[in-house]
Amino acid sequence: MMFDRSPRNIVPRDAARLALPIRGRLRIVAVTVDPSDALVDEIASELRPDLIQLHGRETPTRVREVAARSGAGVIKVISVSGPEDLEGVSVYADVAEHLMFDTKLPSASDRPGGAGARFDWSILSGRRFARPWFVAGGLDPWNVAEAMRVTGAPLVDVSSGVERGPGLKDPALIRAFLEQVGRA
């Protein structure tokens, strides 16, 4: 994540070094929050990601700009606390490659996500979207299968749910999470 208030913060050059062993085998995603043009340029030149995840208050115009500027596809994160948060999603259908639905944290939070909080997954039940989509927010090995069943999500995203502490990924939790996704 390229966001200085995150315990998972990393600079694009270091992310590029970590991405070397998987380049060409897996898609590389740069996670950002309201990135500046300078950061987008740095990410594009240093990391060369397949996708940039926009986790802030980016407008459809800004999503289009980031995609054009970086040459990468875009995952636009939609923060959800209630059904009303899904009303404007269609405006991103022409500009984002994927949509991600994550928990909307309180406005006083210093981060837009990654807190391990979940929203009412039934809000997504039976919904269809014009783009491939993810569910995120509070997922872990013990609830990911239920989240996929309730939402019908074809894709999931996890971060804090596979950590033993802030920013410290646990290989056993990652394996358990992937096993549950495979069974769902």
C-alpha atoms as a PDB file:
ATOM      1  CA  MET A   1       0.000   0.000   0.000  1.00  0.00           C
ATOM      2  CA  MET A   2       1.368   3.376  -0.952  1.00  0.00           C
ATOM      3  CA  PHE A   3      -0.233   5.458   1.789  1.00  0.00           C
ATOM      4  CA  ASP A   4       1.895   6.881   4.592  1.00  0.00           C
ATOM      5  CA  ARG A   5      -0.694   6.367   7.355  1.00  0.00           C
ATOM      6  CA  SER A   6      -0.961   2.634   6.690  1.00  0.00           C
ATOM      7  CA  PRO A   7       1.022   0.049   8.670  1.00  0.00           C
ATOM      8  CA  ARG A   8       1.457  -1.614   5.253  1.00  0.00           C
ATOM      9  CA  ASN A   9       3.009   1.479   3.623  1.00  0.00           C
ATOM     10  CA  ILE A  10       5.722   0.809   1.057  1.00  0.00           C
ATOM     11  CA  VAL A  11       7.424   3.000  -1.524  1.00  0.00           C
ATOM     12  CA  PRO A  12       7.085   2.038  -5.215  1.00  0.00           C
ATOM     13  CA  ARG A  13      10.789   1.139  -5.591  1.00  0.00           C
ATOM     14  CA  ASP A  14      10.620  -1.374  -2.705  1.00  0.00           C
ATOM     15  CA  ALA A  15       7.307  -2.748  -4.015  1.00  0.00           C
ATOM     16  CA  ALA A  16       8.953  -3.282  -7.419  1.00  0.00           C
ATOM     17  CA  ARG A  17      11.729  -5.312  -5.801  1.00  0.00           C
ATOM     18  CA  LEU A  18       9.185  -7.498  -3.994  1.00  0.00           C
ATOM     19  CA  ALA A  19       7.154  -7.941  -7.196  1.00  0.00           C
ATOM     20  CA  LEU A  20      10.084  -9.271  -9.259  1.00  0.00           C
ATOM     21  CA  PRO A  21       9.544 -12.997  -8.478  1.00  0.00           C
ATOM     22  CA  ILE A  22       5.864 -12.895  -9.491  1.00  0.00           C
ATOM     23  CA  ARG A  23       5.964 -10.519 -12.460  1.00  0.00           C
ATOM     24  CA  GLY A  24       4.379 -12.225 -15.440  1.00  0.00           C
ATOM     25  CA  ARG A  25       2.831 -14.971 -13.293  1.00  0.00           C
ATOM     26  CA  LEU A  26       0.441 -12.949 -11.118  1.00  0.00           C
ATOM     27  CA  ARG A  27      -1.130  -9.532 -11.513  1.00  0.00           C
ATOM     28  CA  ILE A  28       0.602  -6.783  -9.568  1.00  0.00           C
ATOM     29  CA  VAL A  29      -1.654  -4.289  -7.785  1.00  0.00           C
ATOM     30  CA  ALA A  30      -0.587  -0.945  -6.311  1.00  0.00           C
ATOM     31  CA  VAL A  31      -2.943   0.122  -3.515  1.00  0.00           C
ATOM     32  CA  THR A  32      -3.324   3.893  -3.092  1.00  0.00           C
ATOM     33  CA  VAL A  33      -5.510   6.518  -1.462  1.00  0.00           C
ATOM     34  CA  ASP A  34      -6.202   9.695  -3.465  1.00  0.00           C
ATOM     35  CA  PRO A  35      -2.766   9.524  -5.146  1.00  0.00           C
ATOM     36  CA  SER A  36      -1.154  12.650  -6.535  1.00  0.00           C
ATOM     37  CA  ASP A  37      -0.018  12.770 -10.158  1.00  0.00           C
ATOM     38  CA  ALA A  38       3.567  12.514  -8.912  1.00  0.00           C
ATOM     39  CA  LEU A  39       2.812   9.309  -7.009  1.00  0.00           C
ATOM     40  CA  VAL A  40       0.939   7.816  -9.970  1.00  0.00           C
ATOM     41  CA  ASP A  41       3.936   8.594 -12.182  1.00  0.00           C
ATOM     42  CA  GLU A  42       6.337   7.051  -9.664  1.00  0.00           C
ATOM     43  CA  ILE A  43       4.195   3.921  -9.341  1.00  0.00           C
ATOM     44  CA  ALA A  44       3.965   3.577 -13.125  1.00  0.00           C
ATOM     45  CA  SER A  45       7.708   3.989 -13.713  1.00  0.00           C
ATOM     46  CA  GLU A  46       9.062   2.080 -10.689  1.00  0.00           C
ATOM     47  CA  LEU A  47       6.504  -0.683 -10.052  1.00  0.00           C
ATOM     48  CA  ARG A  48       4.759  -0.963 -13.443  1.00  0.00           C
ATOM     49  CA  PRO A  49       1.616  -2.515 -11.901  1.00  0.00           C
ATOM     50  CA  ASP A  50      -1.114  -4.279 -13.817  1.00  0.00           C
ATOM     51  CA  LEU A  51      -3.724  -2.528 -11.667  1.00  0.00           C
ATOM     52  CA  ILE A  52      -3.918   0.470  -9.374  1.00  0.00           C
ATOM     53  CA  GLN A  53      -6.436   0.202  -6.550  1.00  0.00           C
ATOM     54  CA  LEU A  54      -7.963   3.569  -5.693  1.00  0.00           C
ATOM     55  CA  HIS A  55      -9.157   3.507  -2.111  1.00  0.00           C
ATOM     56  CA  GLY A  56      -9.991   7.183  -1.617  1.00  0.00           C
ATOM     57  CA  ARG A  57     -12.548   9.699  -2.794  1.00  0.00           C
ATOM     58  CA  GLU A  58     -11.549   9.549  -6.452  1.00  0.00           C
ATOM     59  CA  THR A  59     -14.202  10.766  -8.888  1.00  0.00           C
ATOM     60  CA  PRO A  60     -14.862   8.991 -12.191  1.00  0.00           C
ATOM     61  CA  THR A  61     -12.811  11.717 -13.890  1.00  0.00           C
ATOM     62  CA  ARG A  62      -9.873  11.050 -11.584  1.00  0.00           C
ATOM     63  CA  VAL A  63     -10.167   7.280 -12.111  1.00  0.00           C
ATOM     64  CA  ARG A  64      -9.934   7.878 -15.872  1.00  0.00           C
ATOM     65  CA  GLU A  65      -6.910  10.177 -15.373  1.00  0.00           C
ATOM     66  CA  VAL A  66      -5.072   7.618 -13.225  1.00  0.00           C
ATOM     67  CA  ALA A  67      -5.683   4.872 -15.784  1.00  0.00           C
ATOM     68  CA  ALA A  68      -4.487   7.058 -18.677  1.00  0.00           C
ATOM     69  CA  ARG A  69      -1.500   8.422 -16.783  1.00  0.00           C
ATOM     70  CA  SER A  70      -0.302   5.036 -15.495  1.00  0.00           C
ATOM     71  CA  GLY A  71      -1.282   2.735 -18.339  1.00  0.00           C
ATOM     72  CA  ALA A  72      -2.646   0.352 -15.694  1.00  0.00           C
ATOM     73  CA  GLY A  73      -6.157  -0.890 -15.105  1.00  0.00           C
ATOM     74  CA  VAL A  74      -8.001   0.522 -12.099  1.00  0.00           C
ATOM     75  CA  ILE A  75      -9.838  -1.074  -9.195  1.00  0.00           C
ATOM     76  CA  LYS A  76     -12.155   1.547  -7.683  1.00  0.00           C
ATOM     77  CA  VAL A  77     -13.037   0.902  -4.049  1.00  0.00           C
ATOM     78  CA  ILE A  78     -16.565   1.830  -2.978  1.00  0.00           C
ATOM     79  CA  SER A  79     -16.961   2.321   0.777  1.00  0.00           C
ATOM     80  CA  VAL A  80     -20.179   0.745   2.058  1.00  0.00           C
ATOM     81  CA  SER A  81     -22.154   1.159   5.248  1.00  0.00           C
ATOM     82  CA  GLY A  82     -25.675   0.922   3.816  1.00  0.00           C
ATOM     83  CA  PRO A  83     -27.601   0.309   0.576  1.00  0.00           C
ATOM     84  CA  GLU A  84     -27.474   4.025  -0.273  1.00  0.00           C
ATOM     85  CA  ASP A  85     -23.726   3.708  -0.849  1.00  0.00           C
ATOM     86  CA  LEU A  86     -24.381   1.540  -3.909  1.00  0.00           C
ATOM     87  CA  GLU A  87     -26.553   4.128  -5.674  1.00  0.00           C
ATOM     88  CA  GLY A  88     -23.727   5.892  -7.544  1.00  0.00           C
ATOM     89  CA  VAL A  89     -21.670   2.834  -8.447  1.00  0.00           C
ATOM     90  CA  SER A  90     -22.700   2.803 -12.109  1.00  0.00           C
ATOM     91  CA  VAL A  91     -20.716   6.006 -12.795  1.00  0.00           C
ATOM     92  CA  TYR A  92     -17.530   3.962 -12.408  1.00  0.00           C
ATOM     93  CA  ALA A  93     -18.547   1.265 -14.925  1.00  0.00           C
ATOM     94  CA  ASP A  94     -16.946   3.054 -17.888  1.00  0.00           C
ATOM     95  CA  VAL A  95     -13.711   4.026 -16.130  1.00  0.00           C
ATOM     96  CA  ALA A  96     -12.732   1.204 -13.738  1.00  0.00           C
ATOM     97  CA  GLU A  97     -11.697  -2.317 -14.684  1.00  0.00           C
ATOM     98  CA  HIS A  98     -12.939  -3.696 -11.338  1.00  0.00           C
ATOM     99  CA  LEU A  99     -15.043  -2.525  -8.410  1.00  0.00           C
ATOM    100  CA  MET A 100     -14.330  -3.374  -4.794  1.00  0.00           C
ATOM    101  CA  PHE A 101     -16.853  -3.009  -1.991  1.00  0.00           C
ATOM    102  CA  ASP A 102     -15.217  -2.388   1.386  1.00  0.00           C
ATOM    103  CA  THR A 103     -16.390  -1.248   4.798  1.00  0.00           C
ATOM    104  CA  LYS A 104     -16.932   2.469   5.209  1.00  0.00           C
ATOM    105  CA  LEU A 105     -15.071   3.513   8.324  1.00  0.00           C
ATOM    106  CA  PRO A 106     -16.133   6.449  10.515  1.00  0.00           C
ATOM    107  CA  SER A 107     -15.180   9.860   9.098  1.00  0.00           C
ATOM    108  CA  ALA A 108     -12.812  10.371  12.055  1.00  0.00           C
ATOM    109  CA  SER A 109     -10.687   7.397  10.929  1.00  0.00           C
ATOM    110  CA  ASP A 110      -7.228   8.289   9.642  1.00  0.00           C
ATOM    111  CA  ARG A 111      -7.467   5.527   7.014  1.00  0.00           C
ATOM    112  CA  PRO A 112     -10.165   4.558   4.513  1.00  0.00           C
ATOM    113  CA  GLY A 113      -9.903   0.809   5.165  1.00  0.00           C
ATOM    114  CA  GLY A 114      -7.687  -2.003   6.357  1.00  0.00           C
ATOM    115  CA  ALA A 115      -9.145  -1.953   9.854  1.00  0.00           C
ATOM    116  CA  GLY A 116     -10.639  -5.440   9.855  1.00  0.00           C
ATOM    117  CA  ALA A 117     -14.193  -4.092  10.064  1.00  0.00           C
ATOM    118  CA  ARG A 118     -17.014  -5.651   8.069  1.00  0.00           C
ATOM    119  CA  PHE A 119     -20.267  -4.290   6.683  1.00  0.00           C
ATOM    120  CA  ASP A 120     -23.655  -5.982   6.243  1.00  0.00           C
ATOM    121  CA  TRP A 121     -22.861  -8.306   3.342  1.00  0.00           C
ATOM    122  CA  SER A 122     -26.550  -8.823   2.565  1.00  0.00           C
ATOM    123  CA  ILE A 123     -26.490  -5.332   0.999  1.00  0.00           C
ATOM    124  CA  LEU A 124     -24.706  -6.939  -1.988  1.00  0.00           C
ATOM    125  CA  SER A 125     -26.881 -10.058  -2.128  1.00  0.00           C
ATOM    126  CA  GLY A 126     -28.436 -10.512  -5.569  1.00  0.00           C
ATOM    127  CA  ARG A 127     -26.727  -7.412  -7.006  1.00  0.00           C
ATOM    128  CA  ARG A 128     -25.156  -7.365 -10.442  1.00  0.00           C
ATOM    129  CA  PHE A 129     -22.500  -4.939 -11.592  1.00  0.00           C
ATOM    130  CA  ALA A 130     -21.178  -3.989 -15.020  1.00  0.00           C
ATOM    131  CA  ARG A 131     -17.604  -4.783 -13.977  1.00  0.00           C
ATOM    132  CA  PRO A 132     -15.958  -7.695 -12.156  1.00  0.00           C
ATOM    133  CA  TRP A 133     -16.145  -7.004  -8.434  1.00  0.00           C
ATOM    134  CA  PHE A 134     -14.643  -7.863  -5.082  1.00  0.00           C
ATOM    135  CA  VAL A 135     -15.946  -7.911  -1.540  1.00  0.00           C
ATOM    136  CA  ALA A 136     -13.554  -6.777   1.194  1.00  0.00           C
ATOM    137  CA  GLY A 137     -13.692  -5.573   4.754  1.00  0.00           C
ATOM    138  CA  GLY A 138     -13.251  -7.745   7.801  1.00  0.00           C
ATOM    139  CA  LEU A 139     -12.636 -10.935   5.843  1.00  0.00           C
ATOM    140  CA  ASP A 140     -10.603 -13.712   7.417  1.00  0.00           C
ATOM    141  CA  PRO A 141     -10.270 -17.502   7.091  1.00  0.00           C
ATOM    142  CA  TRP A 142     -13.298 -18.043   9.346  1.00  0.00           C
ATOM    143  CA  ASN A 143     -15.815 -15.884   7.468  1.00  0.00           C
ATOM    144  CA  VAL A 144     -14.684 -15.582   3.839  1.00  0.00           C
ATOM    145  CA  ALA A 145     -16.793 -18.511   2.615  1.00  0.00           C
ATOM    146  CA  GLU A 146     -19.887 -17.013   4.258  1.00  0.00           C
ATOM    147  CA  ALA A 147     -19.113 -13.605   2.721  1.00  0.00           C
ATOM    148  CA  MET A 148     -18.865 -15.160  -0.742  1.00  0.00           C
ATOM    149  CA  ARG A 149     -22.090 -17.114  -0.231  1.00  0.00           C
ATOM    150  CA  VAL A 150     -24.086 -14.134   1.063  1.00  0.00           C
ATOM    151  CA  THR A 151     -22.808 -11.590  -1.464  1.00  0.00           C
ATOM    152  CA  GLY A 152     -22.286 -13.807  -4.496  1.00  0.00           C
ATOM    153  CA  ALA A 153     -18.905 -12.083  -4.886  1.00  0.00           C
ATOM    154  CA  PRO A 154     -16.728 -13.662  -7.547  1.00  0.00           C
ATOM    155  CA  LEU A 155     -13.579 -12.121  -6.001  1.00  0.00           C
ATOM    156  CA  VAL A 156     -12.403 -11.300  -2.470  1.00  0.00           C
ATOM    157  CA  ASP A 157      -9.731  -9.071  -0.966  1.00  0.00           C
ATOM    158  CA  VAL A 158      -8.021  -9.500   2.382  1.00  0.00           C
ATOM    159  CA  SER A 159      -5.376  -7.696   4.360  1.00  0.00           C
ATOM    160  CA  SER A 160      -5.710  -7.421   8.135  1.00  0.00           C
ATOM    161  CA  GLY A 161      -7.631 -10.726   8.268  1.00  0.00           C
ATOM    162  CA  VAL A 162      -4.419 -12.610   7.495  1.00  0.00           C
ATOM    163  CA  GLU A 163      -2.145 -10.636   9.813  1.00  0.00           C
ATOM    164  CA  ARG A 164      -0.854 -11.556  13.258  1.00  0.00           C
ATOM    165  CA  GLY A 165      -0.318  -7.837  13.950  1.00  0.00           C
ATOM    166  CA  PRO A 166      -0.589  -4.565  11.994  1.00  0.00           C
ATOM    167  CA  GLY A 167       1.207  -5.071   8.695  1.00  0.00           C
ATOM    168  CA  LEU A 168       2.589  -8.520   9.662  1.00  0.00           C
ATOM    169  CA  LYS A 169       1.219 -11.187   7.317  1.00  0.00           C
ATOM    170  CA  ASP A 170       0.907 -14.708   8.712  1.00  0.00           C
ATOM    171  CA  PRO A 171       1.620 -17.455   6.143  1.00  0.00           C
ATOM    172  CA  ALA A 172      -0.621 -19.941   7.991  1.00  0.00           C
ATOM    173  CA  LEU A 173      -3.550 -17.512   7.936  1.00  0.00           C
ATOM    174  CA  ILE A 174      -2.972 -16.804   4.242  1.00  0.00           C
ATOM    175  CA  ARG A 175      -3.031 -20.554   3.473  1.00  0.00           C
ATOM    176  CA  ALA A 176      -6.185 -21.033   5.550  1.00  0.00           C
ATOM    177  CA  PHE A 177      -7.855 -18.090   3.805  1.00  0.00           C
ATOM    178  CA  LEU A 178      -7.003 -19.445   0.349  1.00  0.00           C
ATOM    179  CA  GLU A 179      -8.262 -22.916   1.317  1.00  0.00           C
ATOM    180  CA  GLN A 180     -11.608 -21.458   2.365  1.00  0.00           C
ATOM    181  CA  VAL A 181     -11.882 -19.404  -0.836  1.00  0.00           C
ATOM    182  CA  GLY A 182     -11.143 -22.549  -2.847  1.00  0.00           C
ATOM    183  CA  ARG A 183     -13.938 -24.407  -1.063  1.00  0.00           C
ATOM    184  CA  ALA A 184     -16.510 -21.624  -1.426  1.00  0.00           C
END
